Amino acid sequence: MKVTEKESYKIFEDEKDDVTRFAAFLESIHPKFKDDNVVIDILKYGELQLDELLKFLELSNRHREGNRSFVIANDTINIDQVPEELLVVPTLTEAEDIIQMEEIERDLGF
């Protein structure tokens, strides 16, 4: 896994070719990043299936309960199929924008 640290968040990128294993690995190390805003970069996966994306749902819910952002970057999934609980955007720039907006909302008490 490749980790890129930004000013207000971290980007986790899978260096292998198994999105299911990547989700399980992130689940196992969640205590290490539970206090950070996170972008999951799975842009490299072509033809990602909804059931593969849903492997991140429980982790996303738990992470967001801690009042931190959890955004997935993927541009192949049909966004209309994605549950509302998952934040999926097509670019890393949009992921950063989401995190900034959520930080503002938290600062304002929303």
C-alpha atoms as a PDB file:
ATOM      1  CA  MET A   1       0.000   0.000   0.000  1.00  0.00           C
ATOM      2  CA  LYS A   2       1.187   3.469  -0.834  1.00  0.00           C
ATOM      3  CA  VAL A   3       0.345   6.279   1.604  1.00  0.00           C
ATOM      4  CA  THR A   4       0.514   9.927   0.556  1.00  0.00           C
ATOM      5  CA  GLU A   5       0.177  12.447   3.363  1.00  0.00           C
ATOM      6  CA  LYS A   6      -1.474  15.743   2.534  1.00  0.00           C
ATOM      7  CA  GLU A   7      -2.105  18.705   4.798  1.00  0.00           C
ATOM      8  CA  SER A   8      -5.486  17.575   6.105  1.00  0.00           C
ATOM      9  CA  TYR A   9      -5.838  14.003   4.886  1.00  0.00           C
ATOM     10  CA  LYS A  10      -4.086  10.813   3.767  1.00  0.00           C
ATOM     11  CA  ILE A  11      -4.412   8.997   0.458  1.00  0.00           C
ATOM     12  CA  PHE A  12      -4.230   5.197   0.579  1.00  0.00           C
ATOM     13  CA  GLU A  13      -3.507   3.531  -2.743  1.00  0.00           C
ATOM     14  CA  ASP A  14      -3.477  -0.204  -3.383  1.00  0.00           C
ATOM     15  CA  GLU A  15      -0.245  -1.372  -4.982  1.00  0.00           C
ATOM     16  CA  LYS A  16      -1.563  -4.839  -5.741  1.00  0.00           C
ATOM     17  CA  ASP A  17      -4.480  -5.933  -7.884  1.00  0.00           C
ATOM     18  CA  ASP A  18      -7.082  -7.150  -5.411  1.00  0.00           C
ATOM     19  CA  VAL A  19      -9.582  -4.585  -4.176  1.00  0.00           C
ATOM     20  CA  THR A  20     -11.203  -7.077  -1.785  1.00  0.00           C
ATOM     21  CA  ARG A  21      -7.890  -7.792  -0.052  1.00  0.00           C
ATOM     22  CA  PHE A  22      -7.127  -4.071   0.037  1.00  0.00           C
ATOM     23  CA  ALA A  23     -10.419  -3.391   1.832  1.00  0.00           C
ATOM     24  CA  ALA A  24      -9.721  -6.185   4.324  1.00  0.00           C
ATOM     25  CA  PHE A  25      -6.197  -4.870   4.925  1.00  0.00           C
ATOM     26  CA  LEU A  26      -7.490  -1.351   5.579  1.00  0.00           C
ATOM     27  CA  GLU A  27     -10.036  -2.798   7.977  1.00  0.00           C
ATOM     28  CA  SER A  28      -7.254  -4.542   9.900  1.00  0.00           C
ATOM     29  CA  ILE A  29      -5.154  -1.375  10.257  1.00  0.00           C
ATOM     30  CA  HIS A  30      -8.018   1.056  10.880  1.00  0.00           C
ATOM     31  CA  PRO A  31      -6.842   1.971  14.405  1.00  0.00           C
ATOM     32  CA  LYS A  32      -3.701   3.466  12.837  1.00  0.00           C
ATOM     33  CA  PHE A  33      -5.638   5.995  10.757  1.00  0.00           C
ATOM     34  CA  LYS A  34      -8.941   6.366  12.615  1.00  0.00           C
ATOM     35  CA  ASP A  35      -8.180   9.999  13.496  1.00  0.00           C
ATOM     36  CA  ASP A  36      -7.320  11.055   9.930  1.00  0.00           C
ATOM     37  CA  ASN A  37      -9.404  12.130   6.970  1.00  0.00           C
ATOM     38  CA  VAL A  38      -8.903   9.470   4.315  1.00  0.00           C
ATOM     39  CA  VAL A  39      -9.087   9.102   0.554  1.00  0.00           C
ATOM     40  CA  ILE A  40      -9.078   5.556  -0.801  1.00  0.00           C
ATOM     41  CA  ASP A  41      -7.518   5.714  -4.252  1.00  0.00           C
ATOM     42  CA  ILE A  42      -8.834   2.823  -6.319  1.00  0.00           C
ATOM     43  CA  LEU A  43      -8.776   4.676  -9.612  1.00  0.00           C
ATOM     44  CA  LYS A  44      -6.611   2.012 -11.230  1.00  0.00           C
ATOM     45  CA  TYR A  45      -9.366  -0.598 -11.096  1.00  0.00           C
ATOM     46  CA  GLY A  46     -11.224  -0.790 -14.371  1.00  0.00           C
ATOM     47  CA  GLU A  47     -14.722  -2.225 -14.364  1.00  0.00           C
ATOM     48  CA  LEU A  48     -15.027  -2.220 -10.585  1.00  0.00           C
ATOM     49  CA  GLN A  49     -18.155  -4.078  -9.510  1.00  0.00           C
ATOM     50  CA  LEU A  50     -20.574  -2.790  -6.881  1.00  0.00           C
ATOM     51  CA  ASP A  51     -20.021  -5.816  -4.621  1.00  0.00           C
ATOM     52  CA  GLU A  52     -16.282  -5.019  -4.607  1.00  0.00           C
ATOM     53  CA  LEU A  53     -16.946  -1.411  -3.678  1.00  0.00           C
ATOM     54  CA  LEU A  54     -19.297  -2.492  -0.893  1.00  0.00           C
ATOM     55  CA  LYS A  55     -16.329  -4.164   0.838  1.00  0.00           C
ATOM     56  CA  PHE A  56     -15.489  -0.632   2.046  1.00  0.00           C
ATOM     57  CA  LEU A  57     -18.973   0.142   3.418  1.00  0.00           C
ATOM     58  CA  GLU A  58     -18.533  -1.056   7.006  1.00  0.00           C
ATOM     59  CA  LEU A  59     -15.112   0.587   7.293  1.00  0.00           C
ATOM     60  CA  SER A  60     -16.491   3.824   5.851  1.00  0.00           C
ATOM     61  CA  ASN A  61     -19.397   3.860   8.300  1.00  0.00           C
ATOM     62  CA  ARG A  62     -17.137   3.211  11.289  1.00  0.00           C
ATOM     63  CA  HIS A  63     -14.616   5.816  10.168  1.00  0.00           C
ATOM     64  CA  ARG A  64     -17.269   8.478   9.604  1.00  0.00           C
ATOM     65  CA  GLU A  65     -18.765   7.759  13.055  1.00  0.00           C
ATOM     66  CA  GLY A  66     -15.445   9.057  14.389  1.00  0.00           C
ATOM     67  CA  ASN A  67     -16.219  12.412  12.744  1.00  0.00           C
ATOM     68  CA  ARG A  68     -13.610  11.966  10.011  1.00  0.00           C
ATOM     69  CA  SER A  69     -13.974  11.923   6.234  1.00  0.00           C
ATOM     70  CA  PHE A  70     -13.767   8.704   4.213  1.00  0.00           C
ATOM     71  CA  VAL A  71     -13.866   9.258   0.452  1.00  0.00           C
ATOM     72  CA  ILE A  72     -13.323   6.693  -2.292  1.00  0.00           C
ATOM     73  CA  ALA A  73     -11.864   7.785  -5.627  1.00  0.00           C
ATOM     74  CA  ASN A  74     -13.029   5.592  -8.496  1.00  0.00           C
ATOM     75  CA  ASP A  75     -14.220   6.589 -11.946  1.00  0.00           C
ATOM     76  CA  THR A  76     -15.608   3.316 -13.298  1.00  0.00           C
ATOM     77  CA  ILE A  77     -18.497   2.532 -10.966  1.00  0.00           C
ATOM     78  CA  ASN A  78     -22.009   3.712 -11.838  1.00  0.00           C
ATOM     79  CA  ILE A  79     -22.600   6.294  -9.113  1.00  0.00           C
ATOM     80  CA  ASP A  80     -26.366   5.676  -9.224  1.00  0.00           C
ATOM     81  CA  GLN A  81     -25.785   2.167  -7.834  1.00  0.00           C
ATOM     82  CA  VAL A  82     -23.697   3.321  -4.864  1.00  0.00           C
ATOM     83  CA  PRO A  83     -25.430   3.552  -1.460  1.00  0.00           C
ATOM     84  CA  GLU A  84     -25.670   7.034   0.042  1.00  0.00           C
ATOM     85  CA  GLU A  85     -23.397   6.008   2.924  1.00  0.00           C
ATOM     86  CA  LEU A  86     -20.410   5.711   0.595  1.00  0.00           C
ATOM     87  CA  LEU A  87     -18.796   8.845  -0.777  1.00  0.00           C
ATOM     88  CA  VAL A  88     -17.432   7.968  -4.210  1.00  0.00           C
ATOM     89  CA  VAL A  89     -15.961  10.584  -6.525  1.00  0.00           C
ATOM     90  CA  PRO A  90     -14.239  10.218  -9.913  1.00  0.00           C
ATOM     91  CA  THR A  91     -11.034  12.178  -9.155  1.00  0.00           C
ATOM     92  CA  LEU A  92      -8.583  12.859  -6.350  1.00  0.00           C
ATOM     93  CA  THR A  93      -9.266  16.588  -6.743  1.00  0.00           C
ATOM     94  CA  GLU A  94     -12.952  16.029  -6.029  1.00  0.00           C
ATOM     95  CA  ALA A  95     -12.037  13.846  -3.044  1.00  0.00           C
ATOM     96  CA  GLU A  96      -9.965  16.713  -1.637  1.00  0.00           C
ATOM     97  CA  ASP A  97     -12.869  19.117  -2.231  1.00  0.00           C
ATOM     98  CA  ILE A  98     -15.249  16.818  -0.321  1.00  0.00           C
ATOM     99  CA  ILE A  99     -12.855  16.629   2.618  1.00  0.00           C
ATOM    100  CA  GLN A 100     -12.503  20.407   2.703  1.00  0.00           C
ATOM    101  CA  MET A 101     -16.283  20.861   2.634  1.00  0.00           C
ATOM    102  CA  GLU A 102     -16.788  18.306   5.402  1.00  0.00           C
ATOM    103  CA  GLU A 103     -14.104  20.000   7.518  1.00  0.00           C
ATOM    104  CA  ILE A 104     -15.940  23.315   7.142  1.00  0.00           C
ATOM    105  CA  GLU A 105     -19.226  21.659   8.083  1.00  0.00           C
ATOM    106  CA  ARG A 106     -17.641  20.115  11.195  1.00  0.00           C
ATOM    107  CA  ASP A 107     -16.133  23.479  12.159  1.00  0.00           C
ATOM    108  CA  LEU A 108     -19.570  25.064  11.836  1.00  0.00           C
ATOM    109  CA  GLY A 109     -21.143  22.308  13.964  1.00  0.00           C
ATOM    110  CA  PHE A 110     -23.151  20.497  11.293  1.00  0.00           C
END
